[in-house]
Amino acid sequence: MKRIRLLLTLTFLLFFLQSAKGGLFYPLSKLKQTDKQQNTTKRKKKQTSIQLPQLTLSAVITSNHKKIALINGLYLKEGDKIDICTVKKITASPPSVILNCKGIKLTLKINLID
């Protein structure tokens, strides 16, 4: 009886050592992340907050196919930059300006009511 128990114990130990080497018992930390976990990690990295500047559109001036916007006291045309934003489009009617602030689309309109 003791021999059988010893033989079973040795067999179990040999099996355990062989399977540990062969990768049957693989540490969980070494496993790859699933696609869902990788996408969640990527989204968290992309969701960094951007501090948008305080911008006020005061006027839109158009003359002979030229469009100028008065933003925070600066006269700007399409393509000009103010702070982290680039002027993409100036519209006379209704008076508005579309800006691109590091990938964020921002629309300014003249506030007629104070």
C-alpha atoms as a PDB file:
ATOM      1  CA  MET A   1       0.000   0.000   0.000  1.00  0.00           C
ATOM      2  CA  LYS A   2       2.835   2.384   0.855  1.00  0.00           C
ATOM      3  CA  ARG A   3       4.535   1.558  -2.434  1.00  0.00           C
ATOM      4  CA  ILE A   4       1.401   2.359  -4.415  1.00  0.00           C
ATOM      5  CA  ARG A   5       0.953   5.668  -2.578  1.00  0.00           C
ATOM      6  CA  LEU A   6       4.621   6.551  -3.160  1.00  0.00           C
ATOM      7  CA  LEU A   7       4.346   5.580  -6.820  1.00  0.00           C
ATOM      8  CA  LEU A   8       1.219   7.721  -7.269  1.00  0.00           C
ATOM      9  CA  THR A   9       2.879  10.666  -5.526  1.00  0.00           C
ATOM     10  CA  LEU A  10       5.965  10.410  -7.725  1.00  0.00           C
ATOM     11  CA  THR A  11       3.834  10.079 -10.845  1.00  0.00           C
ATOM     12  CA  PHE A  12       1.837  13.167  -9.859  1.00  0.00           C
ATOM     13  CA  LEU A  13       5.023  15.166  -9.205  1.00  0.00           C
ATOM     14  CA  LEU A  14       6.524  14.145 -12.545  1.00  0.00           C
ATOM     15  CA  PHE A  15       3.302  15.068 -14.353  1.00  0.00           C
ATOM     16  CA  PHE A  16       3.172  18.420 -12.564  1.00  0.00           C
ATOM     17  CA  LEU A  17       6.788  19.271 -13.412  1.00  0.00           C
ATOM     18  CA  GLN A  18       6.372  18.239 -17.060  1.00  0.00           C
ATOM     19  CA  SER A  19       3.191  20.261 -17.526  1.00  0.00           C
ATOM     20  CA  ALA A  20       4.700  23.328 -15.829  1.00  0.00           C
ATOM     21  CA  LYS A  21       7.563  23.265 -18.327  1.00  0.00           C
ATOM     22  CA  GLY A  22       5.242  22.657 -21.262  1.00  0.00           C
ATOM     23  CA  GLY A  23       3.067  25.668 -20.507  1.00  0.00           C
ATOM     24  CA  LEU A  24       0.015  23.943 -19.094  1.00  0.00           C
ATOM     25  CA  PHE A  25       0.263  26.050 -15.945  1.00  0.00           C
ATOM     26  CA  TYR A  26       0.988  29.462 -17.454  1.00  0.00           C
ATOM     27  CA  PRO A  27       1.113  32.560 -15.242  1.00  0.00           C
ATOM     28  CA  LEU A  28      -1.915  34.809 -15.773  1.00  0.00           C
ATOM     29  CA  SER A  29       0.286  37.905 -15.984  1.00  0.00           C
ATOM     30  CA  LYS A  30       1.862  36.555 -19.177  1.00  0.00           C
ATOM     31  CA  LEU A  31      -1.446  36.120 -20.996  1.00  0.00           C
ATOM     32  CA  LYS A  32      -2.239  38.632 -23.766  1.00  0.00           C
ATOM     33  CA  GLN A  33      -5.021  41.152 -23.262  1.00  0.00           C
ATOM     34  CA  THR A  34      -8.211  40.517 -25.153  1.00  0.00           C
ATOM     35  CA  ASP A  35      -9.218  42.896 -27.951  1.00  0.00           C
ATOM     36  CA  LYS A  36     -11.854  44.469 -25.718  1.00  0.00           C
ATOM     37  CA  GLN A  37      -9.293  45.189 -22.989  1.00  0.00           C
ATOM     38  CA  GLN A  38      -6.856  46.657 -25.536  1.00  0.00           C
ATOM     39  CA  ASN A  39      -9.564  48.942 -26.992  1.00  0.00           C
ATOM     40  CA  THR A  40     -10.515  50.147 -23.505  1.00  0.00           C
ATOM     41  CA  THR A  41      -6.869  50.936 -22.761  1.00  0.00           C
ATOM     42  CA  LYS A  42      -6.512  52.840 -26.045  1.00  0.00           C
ATOM     43  CA  ARG A  43      -9.675  54.856 -25.347  1.00  0.00           C
ATOM     44  CA  LYS A  44      -8.413  55.823 -21.912  1.00  0.00           C
ATOM     45  CA  LYS A  45      -5.191  57.123 -23.428  1.00  0.00           C
ATOM     46  CA  LYS A  46      -7.053  59.138 -26.073  1.00  0.00           C
ATOM     47  CA  GLN A  47      -9.402  60.780 -23.595  1.00  0.00           C
ATOM     48  CA  THR A  48      -6.927  63.350 -22.390  1.00  0.00           C
ATOM     49  CA  SER A  49      -8.663  66.614 -21.643  1.00  0.00           C
ATOM     50  CA  ILE A  50      -7.871  69.710 -23.700  1.00  0.00           C
ATOM     51  CA  GLN A  51      -8.327  73.119 -22.115  1.00  0.00           C
ATOM     52  CA  LEU A  52     -10.153  75.186 -24.749  1.00  0.00           C
ATOM     53  CA  PRO A  53      -9.373  78.911 -24.772  1.00  0.00           C
ATOM     54  CA  GLN A  54     -11.997  81.541 -23.967  1.00  0.00           C
ATOM     55  CA  LEU A  55     -12.846  83.033 -27.380  1.00  0.00           C
ATOM     56  CA  THR A  56     -15.360  85.748 -28.232  1.00  0.00           C
ATOM     57  CA  LEU A  57     -16.481  86.571 -31.768  1.00  0.00           C
ATOM     58  CA  SER A  58     -17.215  90.317 -31.995  1.00  0.00           C
ATOM     59  CA  ALA A  59     -17.630  90.891 -35.756  1.00  0.00           C
ATOM     60  CA  VAL A  60     -17.456  89.329 -39.195  1.00  0.00           C
ATOM     61  CA  ILE A  61     -16.357  91.591 -42.056  1.00  0.00           C
ATOM     62  CA  THR A  62     -16.690  90.622 -45.739  1.00  0.00           C
ATOM     63  CA  SER A  63     -15.477  92.622 -48.726  1.00  0.00           C
ATOM     64  CA  ASN A  64     -14.581  91.539 -52.291  1.00  0.00           C
ATOM     65  CA  HIS A  65     -14.363  87.836 -51.417  1.00  0.00           C
ATOM     66  CA  LYS A  66     -12.274  88.543 -48.308  1.00  0.00           C
ATOM     67  CA  LYS A  67     -13.597  87.407 -44.968  1.00  0.00           C
ATOM     68  CA  ILE A  68     -12.222  88.653 -41.670  1.00  0.00           C
ATOM     69  CA  ALA A  69     -13.340  87.787 -38.154  1.00  0.00           C
ATOM     70  CA  LEU A  70     -12.728  89.841 -35.035  1.00  0.00           C
ATOM     71  CA  ILE A  71     -11.990  87.341 -32.257  1.00  0.00           C
ATOM     72  CA  ASN A  72     -10.748  88.531 -28.854  1.00  0.00           C
ATOM     73  CA  GLY A  73      -9.721  91.866 -30.436  1.00  0.00           C
ATOM     74  CA  LEU A  74      -7.661  90.208 -33.207  1.00  0.00           C
ATOM     75  CA  TYR A  75      -8.491  90.412 -36.913  1.00  0.00           C
ATOM     76  CA  LEU A  76      -8.171  86.896 -38.340  1.00  0.00           C
ATOM     77  CA  LYS A  77      -8.698  85.322 -41.760  1.00  0.00           C
ATOM     78  CA  GLU A  78      -9.205  81.666 -42.683  1.00  0.00           C
ATOM     79  CA  GLY A  79      -6.048  79.689 -41.879  1.00  0.00           C
ATOM     80  CA  ASP A  80      -4.874  82.037 -39.100  1.00  0.00           C
ATOM     81  CA  LYS A  81      -4.232  80.706 -35.609  1.00  0.00           C
ATOM     82  CA  ILE A  82      -5.343  81.978 -32.245  1.00  0.00           C
ATOM     83  CA  ASP A  83      -4.038  80.170 -29.178  1.00  0.00           C
ATOM     84  CA  ILE A  84      -4.386  76.407 -29.984  1.00  0.00           C
ATOM     85  CA  CYS A  85      -7.133  76.948 -32.589  1.00  0.00           C
ATOM     86  CA  THR A  86      -7.024  77.407 -36.363  1.00  0.00           C
ATOM     87  CA  VAL A  87      -9.708  79.392 -38.220  1.00  0.00           C
ATOM     88  CA  LYS A  88     -11.268  76.985 -40.733  1.00  0.00           C
ATOM     89  CA  LYS A  89     -14.301  78.878 -42.072  1.00  0.00           C
ATOM     90  CA  ILE A  90     -15.773  82.361 -41.715  1.00  0.00           C
ATOM     91  CA  THR A  91     -19.450  82.792 -42.608  1.00  0.00           C
ATOM     92  CA  ALA A  92     -21.124  86.182 -43.029  1.00  0.00           C
ATOM     93  CA  SER A  93     -24.743  85.088 -42.902  1.00  0.00           C
ATOM     94  CA  PRO A  94     -25.318  84.080 -40.165  1.00  0.00           C
ATOM     95  CA  PRO A  95     -22.116  85.582 -38.718  1.00  0.00           C
ATOM     96  CA  SER A  96     -20.086  82.669 -37.387  1.00  0.00           C
ATOM     97  CA  VAL A  97     -16.593  81.185 -37.366  1.00  0.00           C
ATOM     98  CA  ILE A  98     -15.640  77.500 -37.354  1.00  0.00           C
ATOM     99  CA  LEU A  99     -12.369  76.701 -35.578  1.00  0.00           C
ATOM    100  CA  ASN A 100     -10.330  73.516 -35.226  1.00  0.00           C
ATOM    101  CA  CYS A 101      -8.785  73.242 -31.755  1.00  0.00           C
ATOM    102  CA  LYS A 102      -6.505  70.176 -31.749  1.00  0.00           C
ATOM    103  CA  GLY A 103      -9.086  68.036 -33.539  1.00  0.00           C
ATOM    104  CA  ILE A 104     -12.124  69.542 -31.800  1.00  0.00           C
ATOM    105  CA  LYS A 105     -14.562  71.483 -34.000  1.00  0.00           C
ATOM    106  CA  LEU A 106     -15.617  74.729 -32.325  1.00  0.00           C
ATOM    107  CA  THR A 107     -18.229  77.136 -33.719  1.00  0.00           C
ATOM    108  CA  LEU A 108     -18.328  80.761 -32.557  1.00  0.00           C
ATOM    109  CA  LYS A 109     -21.405  82.923 -33.109  1.00  0.00           C
ATOM    110  CA  ILE A 110     -21.985  86.575 -32.347  1.00  0.00           C
ATOM    111  CA  ASN A 111     -23.887  86.927 -29.093  1.00  0.00           C
ATOM    112  CA  LEU A 112     -26.395  89.745 -29.637  1.00  0.00           C
ATOM    113  CA  ILE A 113     -27.788  89.505 -26.100  1.00  0.00           C
ATOM    114  CA  ASP A 114     -25.465  90.396 -23.214  1.00  0.00           C
END
